[in-house]
């Protein structure tokens, strides 16, 4: 599948149509011709996000990518990873022709019962997966290996030889293993699988009720745990308190709304369950070290 860059869908919460529903994978090549305008005027896409993890591998030309945390210019042979639901946008930043591979997949689909504990190493509650890009910047050999695995996945989807599903799933696992073993800064940190599974109903409850008032007692009731045991257990497993987790989720949702919807700050506060504007500004500044308006201006600059 070869898509012209100028025809790429302009989406906010991007729905990924899997090429293979069982693999929950979409991988394709995007191309943009050589610019004829001098100096070139870069095509910049709007902010978007999706629940799938995304890997980019540049075949040729220059691709600029921006997230909340950093901006990076990719060149031929470079690889970049974006975490689940991470806001990002891209642009063609060289006049020469651009070509790159986009690989999106649901990470959970590629872990089975024996490897499930490692899935939680990729939980983004503590840190976004994009922080792993230091691996590719610092170690060309590791980047080359990751690039090769992405190309293997792409070629398998093109040829669809017998057993290609096995080959793709194996390559994705090898890609995850490469990140785990190359992460010298400890970005990836796993909790015990059974502990996270036990907490999952409470995490789901928070996700479903972000726009409402959420009391710790409600989460306790979901898990049928006492108040004091729950708050200690939650912090032990998640690495932050329940209240901090709820606020984190609310501010993440507010960031997405600021960049993808034309609504007032007051409407955003209501939508994320913080109708008190003073409290909303206080929490937002705590997470972003700036006001919502400054955040929007800075990210769209």
Foldseek 3Di string as FASTA:
>chain_A
DEEEPVPPDQDAADDDDAPDVLQQKDKDKYKYAFAPDVVDDKDKGAKHFYQWKKKKAWQAAWKWKDFLVDIDIDGHLAMFIFHGRTIMMMIRDHRHMTMMMMMTGHVCSLDDPVRVQQVQLCDPLPHTPRVLSVLVVVDVVLSNLLNVLSVLLVVCVVVVDPPSSVSNSVSVVVNSVSSVVSCPPSSGDTFGPVLVVLQVQLVVVLVVAQLADDDLVVSCVSSVHDSVVVQVSCCVRSVDGPVVSSLVVLLSQLLSCLRPHDDDPCVSCNRRNRNPPVVVQVSNCVVNVDGSVVSSVVRVD
